[in-house]
Amino acid sequence: MGMTARVLAVDAGNSKTDVAVVAADGTVLATARGGGFRPPTVGVERAVDSLAETVREAFAAAGVTSADHVSACLANADFPVEEEQLAAALHARAWGTTVEVRNDTFAILRAGVTEPRGVAVVCGAGINCVGMRPDGRTARFPALGRISGDWGGGWGLAEEALWHAARAEDGRGVPTALTQALPAHFGLPTMYALIEALHLERIAPARRHELTPVLFTTAASGDPVARGLVDRLADEVVTMATVALTRLDLLAEEVPVLLGGSVLAARHPQLIDGIHELLASRAPKAVPNVVTAPPVLGAALLGLDAVQAPPTAHTHLRQHFAP
């Protein structure tokens, strides 16, 4: 007889979903990958329908039909009311007896720490920060973009780069190599041509994110405007981390600060060095580290935490996902 499923772990981001079925001893019975999870775009039920396909695939591979506990770290679960709504939608699918939904940033945090204690800043398409303590206290931000006070993320950086390059070309701003580098990425001669192509959607709007790596390359070449944007991002990352540490009364303790998401995981030297320097000044006991473990590991660890699995189960689970 096969093992029973203790935890169904779900890490569902805007671009992809990872699912893992985990036994009580930390054995990974099966995994599956699906598409993005976007309730604001398609509605909660359709988003969960899409998620259901990935869950069914994982359950079938594991030879089970349900788990004891569902630990779901989901994109777009930005407020407690959204977590409650999504938890109700998942509970209705009867994938597990109990269900816990968290924002997907918590998965990256838990994947990078040995206990649920620390802070994570994630910079991918957007920027977000969460913190947690073993006693259940958390710190978080709405992370909805400019309306919630955020600056940064890959999309925001691309927009800033375009803004500075456009103003430099027409004389409203200071000169910057971004004026040549951004249109050149798309094979265009000028910012005017790039602006027109974006406006008329000859270049798909989603491709703007491709300009973020161009910004970092331009910064590495010494361009002052590009370097200024990278420095500002370092400041934003450290500001979010420091506020979260303060809220959790962890500023005076040695505590991990995890850095995740595509922008931070790229380890651009200027950005990472800037974060280290600013943390050393504002939160001297913080221990920064870039997270490379898959977020679904964090969702699974949170699930094992919830069912009070023994430490050996956590170790076994980590070994499965070790590079």
Protein backbone atom coordinates (compact mmCIF):
# COMPACT_ATOMS: atom_id res chain seq x y z
CA MET A 1 0.00 0.00 0.00
CA GLY A 2 1.36 3.42 -0.89
CA MET A 3 1.97 6.35 1.43
CA THR A 4 -0.87 8.71 2.28
CA ALA A 5 -0.65 12.40 1.44
CA ARG A 6 -0.15 14.62 4.47
CA VAL A 7 0.29 17.92 2.64
CA LEU A 8 -0.73 19.30 -0.74
CA ALA A 9 1.65 22.20 -1.34
CA VAL A 10 0.81 24.83 -3.95
CA ASP A 11 2.99 27.71 -5.11
CA ALA A 12 0.95 29.63 -7.67
CA GLY A 13 2.49 32.70 -9.23
CA ASN A 14 1.39 34.97 -12.05
CA SER A 15 3.39 33.02 -14.63
CA LYS A 16 3.47 29.42 -13.35
CA THR A 17 2.14 27.06 -10.71
CA ASP A 18 4.05 24.30 -8.91
CA VAL A 19 2.33 21.60 -6.86
CA ALA A 20 3.85 18.95 -4.58
CA VAL A 21 2.18 16.08 -2.74
CA VAL A 22 4.08 15.31 0.46
CA ALA A 23 3.88 12.38 2.89
CA ALA A 24 4.09 12.69 6.68
CA ASP A 25 7.82 11.89 6.69
CA GLY A 26 8.63 14.58 4.10
CA THR A 27 8.73 12.23 1.13
CA VAL A 28 7.62 13.98 -2.06
CA LEU A 29 5.11 11.63 -3.63
CA ALA A 30 4.61 13.67 -6.80
CA THR A 31 4.99 17.10 -8.34
CA ALA A 32 3.31 18.88 -11.22
CA ARG A 33 3.61 22.24 -12.98
CA GLY A 34 0.87 24.36 -14.55
CA GLY A 35 0.22 27.84 -15.85
CA GLY A 36 -0.14 31.14 -14.04
CA PHE A 37 -2.69 31.92 -11.33
CA ARG A 38 -4.44 35.23 -12.05
CA PRO A 39 -7.77 35.68 -10.21
CA PRO A 40 -7.92 39.45 -10.89
CA THR A 41 -7.86 38.74 -14.62
CA VAL A 42 -10.09 35.68 -14.97
CA GLY A 43 -11.98 35.54 -11.65
CA VAL A 44 -11.49 33.26 -8.66
CA GLU A 45 -13.42 30.24 -9.96
CA ARG A 46 -11.69 30.12 -13.35
CA ALA A 47 -8.31 30.60 -11.70
CA VAL A 48 -9.01 27.72 -9.31
CA ASP A 49 -10.30 25.61 -12.22
CA SER A 50 -6.92 26.04 -13.89
CA LEU A 51 -5.17 25.18 -10.65
CA ALA A 52 -7.35 22.07 -10.33
CA GLU A 53 -5.86 20.58 -13.49
CA THR A 54 -2.37 20.74 -11.99
CA VAL A 55 -3.57 19.33 -8.66
CA ARG A 56 -5.32 16.41 -10.39
CA GLU A 57 -2.12 15.63 -12.28
CA ALA A 58 -0.09 15.58 -9.05
CA PHE A 59 -2.67 13.50 -7.15
CA ALA A 60 -2.84 10.98 -10.00
CA ALA A 61 0.94 10.64 -10.06
CA ALA A 62 0.99 10.20 -6.27
CA GLY A 63 -1.84 7.65 -6.35
CA VAL A 64 -4.03 9.65 -3.96
CA THR A 65 -7.23 11.68 -4.21
CA SER A 66 -6.72 14.15 -1.36
CA ALA A 67 -4.37 15.28 1.41
CA ASP A 68 -4.79 16.04 5.10
CA HIS A 69 -3.77 19.69 4.71
CA VAL A 70 -3.54 22.13 1.82
CA SER A 71 -0.78 24.74 2.08
CA ALA A 72 -1.29 27.22 -0.74
CA CYS A 73 0.95 30.23 -1.37
CA LEU A 74 -0.84 32.21 -4.03
CA ALA A 75 -0.15 35.29 -6.11
CA ASN A 76 -2.73 38.05 -5.76
CA ALA A 77 -3.60 37.02 -2.18
CA ASP A 78 -2.62 40.48 -1.00
CA PHE A 79 -5.18 41.14 1.75
CA PRO A 80 -6.61 38.85 4.45
CA VAL A 81 -10.03 39.07 2.82
CA GLU A 82 -8.52 37.72 -0.42
CA GLU A 83 -6.79 34.91 1.47
CA GLU A 84 -10.12 33.99 3.07
CA GLN A 85 -11.92 34.05 -0.27
CA LEU A 86 -9.29 31.88 -1.92
CA ALA A 87 -9.15 29.49 1.04
CA ALA A 88 -12.92 29.00 0.78
CA ALA A 89 -12.62 28.31 -2.95
CA LEU A 90 -9.88 25.73 -2.36
CA HIS A 91 -11.75 24.12 0.54
CA ALA A 92 -14.76 23.65 -1.70
CA ARG A 93 -12.66 21.45 -3.98
CA ALA A 94 -12.12 18.95 -1.12
CA TRP A 95 -8.41 18.58 -1.80
CA GLY A 96 -7.67 18.54 1.92
CA THR A 97 -9.37 18.50 5.31
CA THR A 98 -7.81 21.83 6.26
CA VAL A 99 -6.67 24.69 4.03
CA GLU A 100 -4.30 27.59 4.65
CA VAL A 101 -3.73 30.30 2.04
CA ARG A 102 -0.90 32.82 2.16
CA ASN A 103 0.57 35.31 -0.27
CA ASP A 104 3.17 33.61 -2.50
CA THR A 105 5.97 35.73 -1.00
CA PHE A 106 5.71 33.63 2.17
CA ALA A 107 6.78 30.57 0.16
CA ILE A 108 10.07 32.20 -0.79
CA LEU A 109 10.66 33.24 2.81
CA ARG A 110 9.96 29.79 4.27
CA ALA A 111 12.06 28.08 1.59
CA GLY A 112 15.10 30.06 2.71
CA VAL A 113 14.93 29.64 6.49
CA THR A 114 15.30 26.66 8.82
CA GLU A 115 12.41 27.88 11.00
CA PRO A 116 9.53 30.30 10.26
CA ARG A 117 11.55 33.33 11.35
CA GLY A 118 12.91 36.05 9.08
CA VAL A 119 12.09 38.52 6.34
CA ALA A 120 11.94 38.07 2.58
CA VAL A 121 11.98 40.73 -0.11
CA VAL A 122 10.89 39.54 -3.53
CA CYS A 123 11.59 41.54 -6.66
CA GLY A 124 10.29 39.99 -9.85
CA ALA A 125 7.67 41.68 -11.99
CA GLY A 126 6.74 43.68 -8.87
CA ILE A 127 8.19 44.08 -5.41
CA ASN A 128 6.92 42.72 -2.10
CA CYS A 129 8.14 41.97 1.40
CA VAL A 130 6.91 39.70 4.19
CA GLY A 131 8.21 38.65 7.57
CA MET A 132 7.28 36.00 10.11
CA ARG A 133 8.05 34.76 13.60
CA PRO A 134 7.52 31.24 14.98
CA ASP A 135 4.76 32.58 17.26
CA GLY A 136 2.65 33.30 14.18
CA ARG A 137 3.20 37.06 13.99
CA THR A 138 3.69 38.36 10.45
CA ALA A 139 4.57 41.60 8.71
CA ARG A 140 3.44 42.35 5.20
CA PHE A 141 2.61 45.08 2.68
CA PRO A 142 -0.31 45.31 0.22
CA ALA A 143 2.23 45.39 -2.65
CA LEU A 144 -0.20 46.63 -5.28
CA GLY A 145 2.16 49.06 -6.99
CA ARG A 146 2.23 52.81 -6.75
CA ILE A 147 -1.18 53.04 -5.04
CA SER A 148 0.26 51.16 -2.07
CA GLY A 149 3.52 53.11 -2.03
CA ASP A 150 5.70 50.64 -3.91
CA TRP A 151 8.58 51.42 -6.22
CA GLY A 152 10.62 48.87 -8.10
CA GLY A 153 10.07 45.44 -9.54
CA GLY A 154 11.04 44.51 -13.06
CA TRP A 155 8.02 46.19 -14.63
CA GLY A 156 8.54 49.40 -12.66
CA LEU A 157 12.24 49.50 -13.51
CA ALA A 158 11.48 49.14 -17.21
CA GLU A 159 8.99 52.03 -17.00
CA GLU A 160 11.55 54.22 -15.21
CA ALA A 161 14.20 53.40 -17.80
CA LEU A 162 11.82 54.35 -20.62
CA TRP A 163 10.90 57.61 -18.86
CA HIS A 164 14.51 58.72 -18.44
CA ALA A 165 15.49 57.64 -21.96
CA ALA A 166 12.56 59.48 -23.56
CA ARG A 167 13.33 62.71 -21.70
CA ALA A 168 17.02 62.46 -22.53
CA GLU A 169 16.33 62.11 -26.23
CA ASP A 170 13.95 65.07 -26.49
CA GLY A 171 15.96 67.37 -24.25
CA ARG A 172 13.83 67.40 -21.10
CA GLY A 173 16.26 65.20 -19.17
CA VAL A 174 19.93 64.55 -18.64
CA PRO A 175 21.82 62.46 -21.21
CA THR A 176 21.88 58.70 -20.66
CA ALA A 177 23.08 55.70 -22.62
CA LEU A 178 19.62 54.22 -22.09
CA THR A 179 18.49 56.43 -25.00
CA GLN A 180 20.41 54.18 -27.38
CA ALA A 181 20.33 50.89 -25.45
CA LEU A 182 16.56 50.54 -25.02
CA PRO A 183 15.50 50.95 -28.68
CA ALA A 184 18.53 48.96 -29.83
CA HIS A 185 17.22 45.97 -27.86
CA PHE A 186 14.26 45.88 -30.25
CA GLY A 187 16.31 46.72 -33.32
CA LEU A 188 15.04 50.30 -33.47
CA PRO A 189 17.12 53.45 -34.05
CA THR A 190 15.60 55.95 -31.58
CA MET A 191 13.45 56.30 -28.50
CA TYR A 192 10.85 58.03 -30.68
CA ALA A 193 10.61 54.89 -32.79
CA LEU A 194 10.37 52.70 -29.68
CA ILE A 195 7.67 54.88 -28.12
CA GLU A 196 5.65 54.69 -31.33
CA ALA A 197 6.07 50.92 -31.58
CA LEU A 198 4.97 50.44 -27.97
CA HIS A 199 2.04 52.83 -28.34
CA LEU A 200 0.75 51.14 -31.49
CA GLU A 201 1.53 47.72 -29.97
CA ARG A 202 3.80 46.69 -32.82
CA ILE A 203 5.83 45.56 -29.82
CA ALA A 204 3.59 43.66 -27.40
CA PRO A 205 3.16 45.53 -24.08
CA ALA A 206 4.28 42.44 -22.15
CA ARG A 207 7.71 42.69 -23.77
CA ARG A 208 8.54 45.84 -21.81
CA HIS A 209 9.92 43.62 -19.06
CA GLU A 210 12.77 42.72 -21.43
CA LEU A 211 14.17 46.20 -20.83
CA THR A 212 15.02 45.52 -17.17
CA PRO A 213 18.14 43.46 -17.99
CA VAL A 214 19.11 46.21 -20.47
CA LEU A 215 18.92 48.70 -17.61
CA PHE A 216 21.28 46.61 -15.48
CA THR A 217 23.71 46.13 -18.37
CA THR A 218 23.72 49.90 -18.96
CA ALA A 219 24.30 50.50 -15.25
CA ALA A 220 27.22 48.08 -15.26
CA SER A 221 28.80 50.10 -18.07
CA GLY A 222 28.85 53.13 -15.77
CA ASP A 223 25.88 55.17 -16.98
CA PRO A 224 24.94 57.52 -14.10
CA VAL A 225 21.17 57.50 -14.76
CA ALA A 226 20.98 53.71 -14.92
CA ARG A 227 23.19 53.39 -11.86
CA GLY A 228 20.92 55.79 -10.00
CA LEU A 229 17.91 53.57 -10.67
CA VAL A 230 19.76 50.49 -9.43
CA ASP A 231 20.83 52.36 -6.28
CA ARG A 232 17.24 53.44 -5.69
CA LEU A 233 16.07 49.83 -5.95
CA ALA A 234 18.66 48.77 -3.37
CA ASP A 235 17.32 51.47 -1.07
CA GLU A 236 13.72 50.31 -1.57
CA VAL A 237 14.62 46.68 -0.82
CA VAL A 238 16.39 47.63 2.39
CA THR A 239 13.65 50.05 3.44
CA MET A 240 11.00 47.32 3.14
CA ALA A 241 13.17 44.79 5.00
CA THR A 242 13.99 47.22 7.80
CA VAL A 243 10.34 48.17 8.31
CA ALA A 244 9.33 44.49 8.45
CA LEU A 245 12.11 43.71 10.95
CA THR A 246 11.03 46.64 13.09
CA ARG A 247 7.37 45.58 13.08
CA LEU A 248 8.36 42.09 14.24
CA ASP A 249 10.80 43.35 16.93
CA LEU A 250 13.64 41.55 15.12
CA LEU A 251 15.84 44.54 14.34
CA ALA A 252 18.15 43.88 17.31
CA GLU A 253 18.47 40.13 16.64
CA GLU A 254 20.49 38.15 14.13
CA VAL A 255 17.89 37.22 11.55
CA PRO A 256 17.88 36.14 7.89
CA VAL A 257 16.78 38.58 5.21
CA LEU A 258 16.05 36.56 2.09
CA LEU A 259 16.24 38.06 -1.39
CA GLY A 260 14.16 36.38 -4.08
CA GLY A 261 12.49 36.92 -7.44
CA SER A 262 14.08 37.15 -10.87
CA VAL A 263 15.61 40.61 -10.44
CA LEU A 264 17.35 39.79 -7.13
CA ALA A 265 18.18 36.20 -8.10
CA ALA A 266 20.19 37.57 -11.05
CA ARG A 267 22.69 38.84 -8.43
CA HIS A 268 23.63 42.06 -10.21
CA PRO A 269 26.77 43.14 -8.33
CA GLN A 270 25.82 46.80 -7.92
CA LEU A 271 22.36 45.89 -6.59
CA ILE A 272 23.48 43.14 -4.24
CA ASP A 273 26.45 45.14 -2.95
CA GLY A 274 24.18 48.14 -2.38
CA ILE A 275 21.70 46.02 -0.42
CA HIS A 276 24.48 44.60 1.76
CA GLU A 277 25.93 48.04 2.46
CA LEU A 278 22.58 49.62 3.35
CA LEU A 279 21.55 46.68 5.55
CA ALA A 280 24.87 46.89 7.39
CA SER A 281 24.00 50.49 8.21
CA ARG A 282 20.28 50.20 9.00
CA ALA A 283 19.91 46.62 10.26
CA PRO A 284 23.43 45.51 11.23
CA LYS A 285 22.37 42.10 12.57
CA ALA A 286 20.43 41.13 9.46
CA VAL A 287 21.98 38.31 7.44
CA PRO A 288 21.13 38.77 3.73
CA ASN A 289 21.05 35.79 1.39
CA VAL A 290 19.71 35.17 -2.11
CA VAL A 291 17.14 32.34 -2.17
CA THR A 292 17.59 29.81 -4.94
CA ALA A 293 15.33 27.04 -3.57
CA PRO A 294 12.00 26.65 -5.41
CA PRO A 295 9.11 28.41 -3.67
CA VAL A 296 6.99 25.23 -3.67
CA LEU A 297 9.46 23.94 -1.08
CA GLY A 298 8.45 26.84 1.15
CA ALA A 299 4.75 26.09 0.68
CA ALA A 300 5.41 22.45 1.60
CA LEU A 301 7.44 23.43 4.67
CA LEU A 302 4.63 25.71 5.81
CA GLY A 303 2.33 22.73 5.41
CA LEU A 304 4.58 20.52 7.53
CA ASP A 305 4.70 23.32 10.12
CA ALA A 306 0.89 23.37 10.20
CA VAL A 307 0.57 19.61 10.77
CA GLN A 308 3.41 19.67 13.33
CA ALA A 309 5.59 17.27 11.40
CA PRO A 310 8.89 16.26 13.06
CA PRO A 311 12.15 18.01 12.11
CA THR A 312 13.24 14.90 10.21
CA ALA A 313 10.36 15.41 7.80
CA HIS A 314 11.53 18.97 7.08
CA THR A 315 15.06 17.69 6.45
CA HIS A 316 13.81 14.93 4.16
CA LEU A 317 11.71 17.40 2.20
CA ARG A 318 14.64 19.83 1.75
CA GLN A 319 16.85 17.01 0.47
CA HIS A 320 14.36 16.32 -2.32
CA PHE A 321 14.54 19.90 -3.56
CA ALA A 322 18.30 20.35 -3.02
CA PRO A 323 20.11 21.40 -6.24
